[in-house]
Amino acid sequence: MTIPSPIDHIAVPSTNIAASVRWYVDRFAAIVLYQDATWAFLQMGPVKLAIVTPTQHPPHVAVSVTEAQLAAAAKEANVPIDAHRDGTTGIYLHDPFGNAVELICYPPGGTIYQKPPSTT
């Protein structure tokens, strides 16, 4: 299956989420979309950076897909679709060299870090 989709985010592990966030904000003017003790989501230009604890998720590249694309890819890979705590759904695949690639789908109503459009 070919899925022409943009890169949504890159995930990197950290044993100190707060210190990692400070580092990316101070050096690259990253914008914090969400942060707690176990993960953070930063906007860096058109791509987001997920900072996660090492046991939470593997380092990976995430590609944004539609709900239909996600369902088809999950069926083809014979893996269940995972619901994430931020409201997204996704699956993890691996390239031929073992690198993790996440297919991520955003819900129509947005996520915990997406703000609704301003009405003013």
Protein backbone atom coordinates (compact mmCIF):
# COMPACT_ATOMS: atom_id res chain seq x y z
CA MET A 1 0.00 0.00 0.00
CA THR A 2 1.34 3.43 -0.94
CA ILE A 3 0.31 6.29 1.34
CA PRO A 4 1.31 9.76 0.08
CA SER A 5 1.31 11.56 3.41
CA PRO A 6 3.24 14.32 5.14
CA ILE A 7 5.53 13.78 8.10
CA ASP A 8 3.57 14.73 11.21
CA HIS A 9 6.20 14.36 13.90
CA ILE A 10 9.47 12.82 14.96
CA ALA A 11 9.67 11.17 18.38
CA VAL A 12 12.83 11.13 20.46
CA PRO A 13 13.35 9.54 23.88
CA SER A 14 14.37 11.49 26.97
CA THR A 15 14.88 10.63 30.62
CA ASN A 16 14.07 14.24 31.58
CA ILE A 17 11.11 15.65 29.65
CA ALA A 18 11.27 19.14 31.21
CA ALA A 19 14.99 19.56 30.51
CA SER A 20 14.55 18.35 26.94
CA VAL A 21 11.69 20.79 26.36
CA ARG A 22 13.79 23.68 27.68
CA TRP A 23 16.66 22.68 25.39
CA TYR A 24 14.50 22.69 22.23
CA VAL A 25 12.65 25.87 23.21
CA ASP A 26 15.87 27.74 24.05
CA ARG A 27 17.80 26.65 20.98
CA PHE A 28 15.14 26.42 18.29
CA ALA A 29 12.24 28.54 19.60
CA ALA A 30 10.05 25.43 19.61
CA ILE A 31 6.46 26.06 20.69
CA VAL A 32 5.14 23.79 23.44
CA LEU A 33 1.80 22.32 22.36
CA TYR A 34 1.53 19.95 25.31
CA GLN A 35 3.73 18.87 28.20
CA ASP A 36 3.43 16.60 31.22
CA ALA A 37 5.86 14.41 33.18
CA THR A 38 5.92 11.63 30.58
CA TRP A 39 5.80 13.37 27.22
CA ALA A 40 5.80 16.68 25.41
CA PHE A 41 4.73 17.78 21.96
CA LEU A 42 6.55 20.71 20.37
CA GLN A 43 5.87 22.58 17.14
CA MET A 44 9.01 23.23 15.10
CA GLY A 45 8.02 24.80 11.81
CA PRO A 46 5.73 22.48 9.84
CA VAL A 47 6.80 19.39 11.81
CA LYS A 48 6.21 18.48 15.43
CA LEU A 49 8.67 16.89 17.85
CA ALA A 50 7.43 14.39 20.42
CA ILE A 51 9.65 13.94 23.45
CA VAL A 52 8.80 10.71 25.25
CA THR A 53 10.16 8.59 28.07
CA PRO A 54 12.26 5.70 26.70
CA THR A 55 9.76 3.03 27.77
CA GLN A 56 6.71 4.84 26.36
CA HIS A 57 7.26 4.76 22.60
CA PRO A 58 10.13 3.82 20.33
CA PRO A 59 12.00 6.59 18.52
CA HIS A 60 10.02 7.02 15.32
CA VAL A 61 8.85 9.13 12.42
CA ALA A 62 5.09 9.63 12.25
CA VAL A 63 3.15 10.10 9.04
CA SER A 64 -0.29 11.72 9.04
CA VAL A 65 -3.00 9.58 7.43
CA THR A 66 -6.76 9.59 7.07
CA GLU A 67 -9.00 7.25 9.02
CA ALA A 68 -9.53 5.12 5.90
CA GLN A 69 -5.80 4.92 5.18
CA LEU A 70 -5.12 3.94 8.80
CA ALA A 71 -7.78 1.21 8.72
CA ALA A 72 -6.44 -0.20 5.44
CA ALA A 73 -2.83 -0.16 6.67
CA ALA A 74 -3.79 -1.83 9.96
CA LYS A 75 -5.68 -4.54 8.09
CA GLU A 76 -2.78 -5.10 5.69
CA ALA A 77 -0.27 -5.30 8.57
CA ASN A 78 -2.67 -7.36 10.69
CA VAL A 79 -2.23 -5.06 13.70
CA PRO A 80 -4.81 -3.37 15.93
CA ILE A 81 -5.34 0.38 15.84
CA ASP A 82 -4.26 1.97 19.11
CA ALA A 83 -6.16 4.87 20.70
CA HIS A 84 -3.77 7.42 22.19
CA ARG A 85 -4.46 9.56 25.24
CA ASP A 86 -4.34 12.75 23.16
CA GLY A 87 -7.28 11.65 21.01
CA THR A 88 -5.31 10.40 18.01
CA THR A 89 -5.26 6.83 16.75
CA GLY A 90 -2.41 5.01 15.10
CA ILE A 91 -0.32 1.98 14.39
CA TYR A 92 3.40 1.29 14.32
CA LEU A 93 5.06 -0.32 11.34
CA HIS A 94 8.76 -1.02 10.81
CA ASP A 95 10.80 -0.35 7.71
CA PRO A 96 13.07 -3.11 6.33
CA PHE A 97 15.86 -1.95 8.66
CA GLY A 98 13.81 -2.03 11.87
CA ASN A 99 13.06 1.70 12.15
CA ALA A 100 9.65 2.45 13.64
CA VAL A 101 7.17 4.42 11.55
CA GLU A 102 3.89 5.50 13.09
CA LEU A 103 0.79 6.11 11.01
CA ILE A 104 -1.24 8.67 12.95
CA CYS A 105 -4.80 9.87 12.43
CA TYR A 106 -6.19 13.00 14.07
CA PRO A 107 -9.81 13.02 15.27
CA PRO A 108 -12.30 15.42 13.64
CA GLY A 109 -12.81 17.29 16.92
CA GLY A 110 -9.12 17.88 17.52
CA THR A 111 -6.79 16.72 20.27
CA ILE A 112 -5.89 17.86 23.77
CA TYR A 113 -3.29 20.27 22.36
CA GLN A 114 -5.16 21.56 19.31
CA LYS A 115 -7.00 24.78 20.01
CA PRO A 116 -10.33 25.45 18.33
CA PRO A 117 -10.28 28.26 15.77
CA SER A 118 -10.84 31.75 17.12
CA THR A 119 -14.26 33.25 16.45
CA THR A 120 -13.08 36.83 16.89
